[in-house]
Amino acid sequence: MSDIDRAAGHLQDTDQDAHSWQALRRAQEFCRRERDATVTVDIHGRITDHSMAGAQLLGCQVENLMGKPLSQFLDQLPFGDNTPGYNLAYAVFHGAGGRWQRHSVAKPGGLVSGVDVALSSVMLNGSRAIQLTLKASDSGQQAHCH
């Protein structure tokens, strides 16, 4: 159990300051989110949110991801701007059972890295979106593009 978890539990148990407890829980969720490698795209395949770890696995600086098509980084995923229904159906079908798919990411400098991707369909602010959870492939291989 982390220090944040213990502190949040203590505040919740004593119920002395509900606002501080809620703020601590928000900070805890933010830390977890930033540690996990996630990327969220709209049904058109454009990046709407991401964690710092997600940006790193895609080989991109955080400020350069928002609004970009996911296909720019993971071109094997068939998310097209003009196929929102297909994009969502693909995420639901391929995300069933928590399946991971192996893909490659072309990074700056000509490096190609393996990345495993798990897809899920989520509701954000009343709209459907697709969340990708990313992890470096077990092989850890990197190769140069030619």
Protein backbone atom coordinates (compact mmCIF):
# COMPACT_ATOMS: atom_id res chain seq x y z
CA MET A 1 0.00 0.00 0.00
CA SER A 2 1.42 3.38 -0.97
CA ASP A 3 1.76 6.40 1.30
CA ILE A 4 -1.02 8.09 -0.66
CA ASP A 5 -3.33 5.08 -0.10
CA ARG A 6 -2.58 5.07 3.64
CA ALA A 7 -3.12 8.82 3.93
CA ALA A 8 -6.39 8.66 1.98
CA GLY A 9 -7.57 5.77 4.17
CA HIS A 10 -6.70 7.69 7.33
CA LEU A 11 -8.58 10.77 6.18
CA GLN A 12 -11.57 8.69 5.17
CA ASP A 13 -11.61 6.82 8.50
CA THR A 14 -11.46 9.95 10.60
CA ASP A 15 -13.78 11.89 8.28
CA GLN A 16 -12.29 15.11 9.64
CA ASP A 17 -11.95 16.87 6.32
CA ALA A 18 -14.01 15.51 3.42
CA HIS A 19 -12.65 18.10 1.00
CA SER A 20 -9.05 17.15 1.73
CA TRP A 21 -9.91 13.47 1.34
CA GLN A 22 -11.51 14.12 -2.06
CA ALA A 23 -8.55 16.21 -3.20
CA LEU A 24 -6.16 13.48 -2.08
CA ARG A 25 -8.17 10.84 -3.97
CA ARG A 26 -8.05 13.02 -7.11
CA ALA A 27 -4.29 13.37 -6.72
CA GLN A 28 -3.99 9.61 -6.20
CA GLU A 29 -5.99 8.90 -9.37
CA PHE A 30 -3.89 11.41 -11.32
CA CYS A 31 -0.67 9.68 -10.18
CA ARG A 32 -2.02 6.27 -11.17
CA ARG A 33 -3.18 7.63 -14.54
CA GLU A 34 0.19 9.17 -15.30
CA ARG A 35 2.01 5.97 -14.32
CA ASP A 36 -0.21 3.86 -16.60
CA ALA A 37 0.45 4.17 -20.32
CA THR A 38 -2.91 5.19 -21.76
CA VAL A 39 -4.12 6.98 -24.86
CA THR A 40 -7.74 7.92 -25.49
CA VAL A 41 -9.07 8.60 -28.98
CA ASP A 42 -12.45 9.78 -30.19
CA ILE A 43 -14.47 7.60 -32.53
CA HIS A 44 -12.68 9.25 -35.46
CA GLY A 45 -9.31 7.99 -34.21
CA ARG A 46 -7.99 11.38 -33.04
CA ILE A 47 -6.12 11.55 -29.73
CA THR A 48 -8.17 13.36 -27.09
CA ASP A 49 -6.25 12.44 -23.94
CA HIS A 50 -3.14 10.55 -22.89
CA SER A 51 -0.82 9.95 -19.99
CA MET A 52 2.84 10.91 -20.01
CA ALA A 53 3.76 7.22 -20.10
CA GLY A 54 1.51 6.76 -23.14
CA ALA A 55 3.26 9.60 -24.95
CA GLN A 56 6.65 8.08 -24.13
CA LEU A 57 5.70 4.67 -25.52
CA LEU A 58 4.52 6.37 -28.72
CA GLY A 59 7.87 8.16 -28.89
CA CYS A 60 6.32 11.59 -28.82
CA GLN A 61 6.50 14.63 -26.60
CA VAL A 62 3.33 15.23 -24.61
CA GLU A 63 2.48 18.53 -26.29
CA ASN A 64 2.62 16.95 -29.76
CA LEU A 65 -0.10 14.31 -29.34
CA MET A 66 -3.43 16.06 -28.78
CA GLY A 67 -5.70 16.06 -31.82
CA LYS A 68 -3.35 13.95 -33.93
CA PRO A 69 -4.64 10.82 -35.66
CA LEU A 70 -3.61 7.68 -33.79
CA SER A 71 -2.67 6.12 -37.14
CA GLN A 72 0.27 8.54 -37.25
CA PHE A 73 1.83 6.51 -34.41
CA LEU A 74 0.20 3.08 -34.66
CA ASP A 75 -0.53 2.68 -38.36
CA GLN A 76 -1.52 -0.99 -37.99
CA LEU A 77 -4.72 0.00 -36.15
CA PRO A 78 -7.44 0.64 -38.75
CA PHE A 79 -8.91 3.78 -37.18
CA GLY A 80 -9.94 6.11 -39.97
CA ASP A 81 -11.39 9.59 -39.68
CA ASN A 82 -14.34 8.66 -41.91
CA THR A 83 -15.18 5.32 -40.25
CA PRO A 84 -16.34 6.07 -36.68
CA GLY A 85 -18.73 3.11 -36.51
CA TYR A 86 -16.07 0.70 -37.69
CA ASN A 87 -13.51 2.18 -35.30
CA LEU A 88 -15.79 1.62 -32.33
CA ALA A 89 -16.80 -1.88 -33.46
CA TYR A 90 -13.11 -2.79 -33.94
CA ALA A 91 -12.29 -1.61 -30.41
CA VAL A 92 -15.21 -3.53 -28.88
CA PHE A 93 -14.46 -6.74 -30.80
CA HIS A 94 -10.69 -6.69 -30.31
CA GLY A 95 -10.94 -5.49 -26.71
CA ALA A 96 -13.16 -8.36 -25.61
CA GLY A 97 -11.61 -10.46 -22.89
CA GLY A 98 -8.78 -8.00 -22.30
CA ARG A 99 -6.82 -9.21 -25.32
CA TRP A 100 -3.49 -7.58 -26.09
CA GLN A 101 -2.34 -6.95 -29.65
CA ARG A 102 1.30 -6.52 -30.62
CA HIS A 103 2.11 -3.49 -32.79
CA SER A 104 5.15 -1.47 -33.69
CA VAL A 105 5.74 2.24 -33.25
CA ALA A 106 8.07 4.20 -35.53
CA LYS A 107 9.90 6.65 -33.28
CA PRO A 108 11.99 9.69 -34.14
CA GLY A 109 15.47 8.85 -35.38
CA GLY A 110 14.24 5.83 -37.30
CA LEU A 111 13.79 3.50 -34.31
CA VAL A 112 10.95 0.98 -34.29
CA SER A 113 9.73 -0.35 -30.94
CA GLY A 114 7.27 -3.08 -30.11
CA VAL A 115 4.23 -2.08 -28.09
CA ASP A 116 1.34 -4.20 -26.83
CA VAL A 117 -2.09 -2.58 -27.00
CA ALA A 118 -5.33 -3.41 -25.18
CA LEU A 119 -8.48 -1.66 -26.44
CA SER A 120 -11.69 -0.75 -24.65
CA SER A 121 -14.76 1.30 -25.42
CA VAL A 122 -15.49 3.97 -22.79
CA MET A 123 -18.00 6.77 -22.21
CA LEU A 124 -16.41 10.18 -21.64
CA ASN A 125 -18.55 13.26 -21.12
CA GLY A 126 -21.53 11.53 -22.70
CA SER A 127 -19.66 10.44 -25.83
CA ARG A 128 -18.16 7.13 -26.86
CA ALA A 129 -14.38 6.98 -26.97
CA ILE A 130 -11.71 4.32 -27.35
CA GLN A 131 -9.10 3.85 -24.66
CA LEU A 132 -5.82 2.15 -25.39
CA THR A 133 -3.65 0.77 -22.63
CA LEU A 134 -0.07 0.39 -23.81
CA LYS A 135 2.93 -1.53 -22.58
CA ALA A 136 6.34 -2.17 -24.05
CA SER A 137 6.47 -5.56 -25.76
CA ASP A 138 8.19 -8.29 -23.79
CA SER A 139 10.86 -8.60 -26.45
CA GLY A 140 12.00 -5.05 -25.75
CA GLN A 141 13.54 -5.02 -29.21
CA GLN A 142 14.34 -1.84 -31.01
CA ALA A 143 15.44 -1.71 -34.60
CA HIS A 144 16.32 1.05 -37.01
CA CYS A 145 14.01 1.88 -39.90
CA HIS A 146 15.64 1.74 -43.31
